[in-house]
Amino acid sequence: MTARVQGFWKSLAKALARALPALLAAALALPAAAQEVTECDWRATPDAIPEPWEAHSRSFANGNVRLALLDAIEPAAGAFHLLVLSPPFDSLGARQCRIVGFDGAQGFAALDFAALSAAYDPATGLTFRLPGRLWLPEQDFTNPLILIVTVNQATGAVTARTELGGE
């Protein structure tokens, strides 16, 4: 083999070695279950908001939308959820209440509320991005992710999805 061909193969091997972690992360992507947006239940209690409340709750859209971190304590590897209070308002003036979790009572292994970011697009509404981690029991480790929640105040729709990445 010529030196040029050997150099090509060495470069290719190095590139593959650098790409291997990303390829493994993609292969171990989030399970088929999707994050859920549900009506508020037992998880949405004031004692589930970690102290200090000021650090784990924020309002947006002139106070019409509020997000709060919830720590349901159990299951320990998936105890964190996101509380969303948003329009529409009912006949008594109360906002709708939604919880974003991963799958049923399973939440996220971590949600970094301090890193919460928000953006507004008139076509879709408020979009929140929140880094976190999801416990993958089959592999016995957590995977970094970005939780993306969109609140459309006009329609009342609250949607959620995740992307690999973060931390």
C-alpha atoms as a PDB file:
ATOM      1  CA  MET A   1       0.000   0.000   0.000  1.00  0.00           C
ATOM      2  CA  THR A   2       1.212   3.464  -0.752  1.00  0.00           C
ATOM      3  CA  ALA A   3       1.761   5.991   1.995  1.00  0.00           C
ATOM      4  CA  ARG A   4      -1.111   8.035   0.596  1.00  0.00           C
ATOM      5  CA  VAL A   5      -3.573   5.110   0.868  1.00  0.00           C
ATOM      6  CA  GLN A   6      -2.324   4.266   4.350  1.00  0.00           C
ATOM      7  CA  GLY A   7      -2.844   7.913   5.358  1.00  0.00           C
ATOM      8  CA  PHE A   8      -6.387   7.783   4.016  1.00  0.00           C
ATOM      9  CA  TRP A   9      -7.207   4.670   6.087  1.00  0.00           C
ATOM     10  CA  LYS A  10      -5.635   6.166   9.212  1.00  0.00           C
ATOM     11  CA  SER A  11      -7.632   9.367   8.757  1.00  0.00           C
ATOM     12  CA  LEU A  12     -10.816   7.373   8.242  1.00  0.00           C
ATOM     13  CA  ALA A  13     -10.163   5.291  11.367  1.00  0.00           C
ATOM     14  CA  LYS A  14      -9.577   8.454  13.423  1.00  0.00           C
ATOM     15  CA  ALA A  15     -12.749  10.058  12.097  1.00  0.00           C
ATOM     16  CA  LEU A  16     -14.764   6.938  12.946  1.00  0.00           C
ATOM     17  CA  ALA A  17     -13.246   6.810  16.429  1.00  0.00           C
ATOM     18  CA  ARG A  18     -14.251  10.462  17.003  1.00  0.00           C
ATOM     19  CA  ALA A  19     -17.768   9.823  15.671  1.00  0.00           C
ATOM     20  CA  LEU A  20     -18.300   6.608  17.634  1.00  0.00           C
ATOM     21  CA  PRO A  21     -19.697   8.264  20.812  1.00  0.00           C
ATOM     22  CA  ALA A  22     -22.275  10.184  18.768  1.00  0.00           C
ATOM     23  CA  LEU A  23     -23.193   7.050  16.843  1.00  0.00           C
ATOM     24  CA  LEU A  24     -23.621   5.103  20.085  1.00  0.00           C
ATOM     25  CA  ALA A  25     -25.772   7.863  21.541  1.00  0.00           C
ATOM     26  CA  ALA A  26     -27.979   7.753  18.463  1.00  0.00           C
ATOM     27  CA  ALA A  27     -28.209   3.964  18.665  1.00  0.00           C
ATOM     28  CA  LEU A  28     -29.186   4.235  22.334  1.00  0.00           C
ATOM     29  CA  ALA A  29     -31.658   7.006  21.589  1.00  0.00           C
ATOM     30  CA  LEU A  30     -34.657   7.602  23.750  1.00  0.00           C
ATOM     31  CA  PRO A  31     -37.048   4.680  24.017  1.00  0.00           C
ATOM     32  CA  ALA A  32     -40.152   4.507  21.840  1.00  0.00           C
ATOM     33  CA  ALA A  33     -42.389   5.863  24.610  1.00  0.00           C
ATOM     34  CA  ALA A  34     -43.061   9.552  24.170  1.00  0.00           C
ATOM     35  CA  GLN A  35     -43.112  12.315  26.731  1.00  0.00           C
ATOM     36  CA  GLU A  36     -46.634  13.033  27.844  1.00  0.00           C
ATOM     37  CA  VAL A  37     -48.690  16.097  28.576  1.00  0.00           C
ATOM     38  CA  THR A  38     -51.495  15.186  30.976  1.00  0.00           C
ATOM     39  CA  GLU A  39     -54.037  16.977  33.112  1.00  0.00           C
ATOM     40  CA  CYS A  40     -52.814  17.725  36.609  1.00  0.00           C
ATOM     41  CA  ASP A  41     -52.994  14.899  39.126  1.00  0.00           C
ATOM     42  CA  TRP A  42     -51.335  13.906  42.433  1.00  0.00           C
ATOM     43  CA  ARG A  43     -47.934  15.129  41.142  1.00  0.00           C
ATOM     44  CA  ALA A  44     -49.117  18.768  40.968  1.00  0.00           C
ATOM     45  CA  THR A  45     -49.089  19.547  44.673  1.00  0.00           C
ATOM     46  CA  PRO A  46     -47.356  22.546  46.218  1.00  0.00           C
ATOM     47  CA  ASP A  47     -45.048  20.322  48.263  1.00  0.00           C
ATOM     48  CA  ALA A  48     -43.675  18.855  45.019  1.00  0.00           C
ATOM     49  CA  ILE A  49     -42.154  22.228  44.046  1.00  0.00           C
ATOM     50  CA  PRO A  50     -38.570  22.179  45.361  1.00  0.00           C
ATOM     51  CA  GLU A  51     -37.456  24.954  47.681  1.00  0.00           C
ATOM     52  CA  PRO A  52     -36.795  27.748  47.130  1.00  0.00           C
ATOM     53  CA  TRP A  53     -39.948  28.192  45.049  1.00  0.00           C
ATOM     54  CA  GLU A  54     -38.582  31.369  43.450  1.00  0.00           C
ATOM     55  CA  ALA A  55     -35.820  29.302  41.826  1.00  0.00           C
ATOM     56  CA  HIS A  56     -38.165  26.593  40.541  1.00  0.00           C
ATOM     57  CA  SER A  57     -41.134  28.591  39.225  1.00  0.00           C
ATOM     58  CA  ARG A  58     -41.342  31.291  36.551  1.00  0.00           C
ATOM     59  CA  SER A  59     -44.149  33.180  34.851  1.00  0.00           C
ATOM     60  CA  PHE A  60     -44.392  34.349  31.255  1.00  0.00           C
ATOM     61  CA  ALA A  61     -46.847  36.199  28.990  1.00  0.00           C
ATOM     62  CA  ASN A  62     -47.752  38.849  31.592  1.00  0.00           C
ATOM     63  CA  GLY A  63     -48.333  36.168  34.217  1.00  0.00           C
ATOM     64  CA  ASN A  64     -50.753  34.131  32.107  1.00  0.00           C
ATOM     65  CA  VAL A  65     -48.341  31.192  31.775  1.00  0.00           C
ATOM     66  CA  ARG A  66     -46.447  29.703  34.710  1.00  0.00           C
ATOM     67  CA  LEU A  67     -43.962  26.830  34.715  1.00  0.00           C
ATOM     68  CA  ALA A  68     -42.775  25.065  37.841  1.00  0.00           C
ATOM     69  CA  LEU A  69     -40.446  22.178  38.457  1.00  0.00           C
ATOM     70  CA  LEU A  70     -42.048  19.235  40.251  1.00  0.00           C
ATOM     71  CA  ASP A  71     -40.108  16.650  42.235  1.00  0.00           C
ATOM     72  CA  ALA A  72     -42.498  13.758  42.910  1.00  0.00           C
ATOM     73  CA  ILE A  73     -39.681  11.954  44.812  1.00  0.00           C
ATOM     74  CA  GLU A  74     -40.666   8.578  43.304  1.00  0.00           C
ATOM     75  CA  PRO A  75     -39.748   6.907  41.114  1.00  0.00           C
ATOM     76  CA  ALA A  76     -36.310   8.084  42.195  1.00  0.00           C
ATOM     77  CA  ALA A  77     -34.762   7.767  38.729  1.00  0.00           C
ATOM     78  CA  GLY A  78     -37.682   9.615  37.122  1.00  0.00           C
ATOM     79  CA  ALA A  79     -39.127  11.936  39.743  1.00  0.00           C
ATOM     80  CA  PHE A  80     -38.970  15.269  37.885  1.00  0.00           C
ATOM     81  CA  HIS A  81     -41.908  16.692  35.933  1.00  0.00           C
ATOM     82  CA  LEU A  82     -42.838  20.114  34.624  1.00  0.00           C
ATOM     83  CA  LEU A  83     -46.019  21.886  35.736  1.00  0.00           C
ATOM     84  CA  VAL A  84     -47.641  24.159  33.135  1.00  0.00           C
ATOM     85  CA  LEU A  85     -50.426  26.600  34.030  1.00  0.00           C
ATOM     86  CA  SER A  86     -51.744  28.389  30.948  1.00  0.00           C
ATOM     87  CA  PRO A  87     -54.810  29.740  29.155  1.00  0.00           C
ATOM     88  CA  PRO A  88     -57.566  29.053  28.425  1.00  0.00           C
ATOM     89  CA  PHE A  89     -59.186  30.289  31.611  1.00  0.00           C
ATOM     90  CA  ASP A  90     -62.275  28.539  32.932  1.00  0.00           C
ATOM     91  CA  SER A  91     -65.493  30.304  33.999  1.00  0.00           C
ATOM     92  CA  LEU A  92     -63.956  31.034  37.413  1.00  0.00           C
ATOM     93  CA  GLY A  93     -60.788  32.535  35.898  1.00  0.00           C
ATOM     94  CA  ALA A  94     -58.503  29.579  36.638  1.00  0.00           C
ATOM     95  CA  ARG A  95     -55.911  28.506  34.074  1.00  0.00           C
ATOM     96  CA  GLN A  96     -55.665  24.995  32.710  1.00  0.00           C
ATOM     97  CA  CYS A  97     -53.185  22.801  34.569  1.00  0.00           C
ATOM     98  CA  ARG A  98     -50.905  20.338  32.741  1.00  0.00           C
ATOM     99  CA  ILE A  99     -48.007  18.116  33.727  1.00  0.00           C
ATOM    100  CA  VAL A 100     -45.212  17.172  31.359  1.00  0.00           C
ATOM    101  CA  GLY A 101     -43.615  13.843  32.228  1.00  0.00           C
ATOM    102  CA  PHE A 102     -41.997  11.103  30.251  1.00  0.00           C
ATOM    103  CA  ASP A 103     -44.366   8.141  30.381  1.00  0.00           C
ATOM    104  CA  GLY A 104     -47.155   7.748  32.919  1.00  0.00           C
ATOM    105  CA  ALA A 105     -45.848   8.385  36.435  1.00  0.00           C
ATOM    106  CA  GLN A 106     -42.277   8.182  35.069  1.00  0.00           C
ATOM    107  CA  GLY A 107     -40.731  11.611  34.838  1.00  0.00           C
ATOM    108  CA  PHE A 108     -37.188  12.664  34.072  1.00  0.00           C
ATOM    109  CA  ALA A 109     -34.060  11.814  36.066  1.00  0.00           C
ATOM    110  CA  ALA A 110     -33.191  15.528  36.107  1.00  0.00           C
ATOM    111  CA  LEU A 111     -34.483  18.841  34.759  1.00  0.00           C
ATOM    112  CA  ASP A 112     -32.218  21.905  34.985  1.00  0.00           C
ATOM    113  CA  PHE A 113     -34.812  24.595  35.707  1.00  0.00           C
ATOM    114  CA  ALA A 114     -32.105  27.266  36.076  1.00  0.00           C
ATOM    115  CA  ALA A 115     -31.244  26.722  32.389  1.00  0.00           C
ATOM    116  CA  LEU A 116     -34.856  27.154  31.206  1.00  0.00           C
ATOM    117  CA  SER A 117     -35.100  29.336  28.098  1.00  0.00           C
ATOM    118  CA  ALA A 118     -38.174  30.724  26.360  1.00  0.00           C
ATOM    119  CA  ALA A 119     -38.964  32.036  22.894  1.00  0.00           C
ATOM    120  CA  TYR A 120     -42.172  33.281  21.295  1.00  0.00           C
ATOM    121  CA  ASP A 121     -43.394  32.643  17.759  1.00  0.00           C
ATOM    122  CA  PRO A 122     -46.868  34.013  16.925  1.00  0.00           C
ATOM    123  CA  ALA A 123     -47.530  30.996  14.699  1.00  0.00           C
ATOM    124  CA  THR A 124     -46.875  28.379  17.400  1.00  0.00           C
ATOM    125  CA  GLY A 125     -46.840  30.160  20.756  1.00  0.00           C
ATOM    126  CA  LEU A 126     -44.343  30.088  23.610  1.00  0.00           C
ATOM    127  CA  THR A 127     -41.602  27.475  23.305  1.00  0.00           C
ATOM    128  CA  PHE A 128     -39.594  26.475  26.345  1.00  0.00           C
ATOM    129  CA  ARG A 129     -36.318  24.530  26.276  1.00  0.00           C
ATOM    130  CA  LEU A 130     -35.086  22.778  29.378  1.00  0.00           C
ATOM    131  CA  PRO A 131     -32.016  20.527  29.636  1.00  0.00           C
ATOM    132  CA  GLY A 132     -32.460  17.310  31.538  1.00  0.00           C
ATOM    133  CA  ARG A 133     -31.677  13.626  31.759  1.00  0.00           C
ATOM    134  CA  LEU A 134     -33.739  10.508  31.163  1.00  0.00           C
ATOM    135  CA  TRP A 135     -33.055   7.241  32.955  1.00  0.00           C
ATOM    136  CA  LEU A 136     -32.787   4.281  30.606  1.00  0.00           C
ATOM    137  CA  PRO A 137     -33.310   1.202  32.798  1.00  0.00           C
ATOM    138  CA  GLU A 138     -32.307  -1.254  30.060  1.00  0.00           C
ATOM    139  CA  GLN A 139     -28.838   0.330  29.915  1.00  0.00           C
ATOM    140  CA  ASP A 140     -28.790   1.414  33.586  1.00  0.00           C
ATOM    141  CA  PHE A 141     -27.665   4.976  32.820  1.00  0.00           C
ATOM    142  CA  THR A 142     -29.127   8.409  32.097  1.00  0.00           C
ATOM    143  CA  ASN A 143     -29.132  10.082  28.726  1.00  0.00           C
ATOM    144  CA  PRO A 144     -28.908  13.885  28.332  1.00  0.00           C
ATOM    145  CA  LEU A 145     -31.819  15.524  26.557  1.00  0.00           C
ATOM    146  CA  ILE A 146     -33.536  18.805  25.892  1.00  0.00           C
ATOM    147  CA  LEU A 147     -37.218  18.933  26.836  1.00  0.00           C
ATOM    148  CA  ILE A 148     -39.102  21.236  24.467  1.00  0.00           C
ATOM    149  CA  VAL A 149     -42.572  22.366  25.531  1.00  0.00           C
ATOM    150  CA  THR A 150     -44.807  24.587  23.417  1.00  0.00           C
ATOM    151  CA  VAL A 151     -47.773  26.448  24.871  1.00  0.00           C
ATOM    152  CA  ASN A 152     -50.262  27.935  22.428  1.00  0.00           C
ATOM    153  CA  GLN A 153     -52.353  30.356  24.475  1.00  0.00           C
ATOM    154  CA  ALA A 154     -54.827  30.901  21.630  1.00  0.00           C
ATOM    155  CA  THR A 155     -55.773  27.216  21.290  1.00  0.00           C
ATOM    156  CA  GLY A 156     -54.824  25.935  24.746  1.00  0.00           C
ATOM    157  CA  ALA A 157     -52.586  23.280  23.201  1.00  0.00           C
ATOM    158  CA  VAL A 158     -49.580  22.195  25.260  1.00  0.00           C
ATOM    159  CA  THR A 159     -47.183  19.879  23.427  1.00  0.00           C
ATOM    160  CA  ALA A 160     -43.861  18.345  24.398  1.00  0.00           C
ATOM    161  CA  ARG A 161     -41.005  16.557  22.714  1.00  0.00           C
ATOM    162  CA  THR A 162     -37.408  15.738  23.489  1.00  0.00           C
ATOM    163  CA  GLU A 163     -34.141  15.961  21.603  1.00  0.00           C
ATOM    164  CA  LEU A 164     -30.930  14.212  22.478  1.00  0.00           C
ATOM    165  CA  GLY A 165     -28.303  16.547  23.785  1.00  0.00           C
ATOM    166  CA  GLY A 166     -27.818  18.980  26.584  1.00  0.00           C
ATOM    167  CA  GLU A 167     -25.503  18.922  29.590  1.00  0.00           C
END
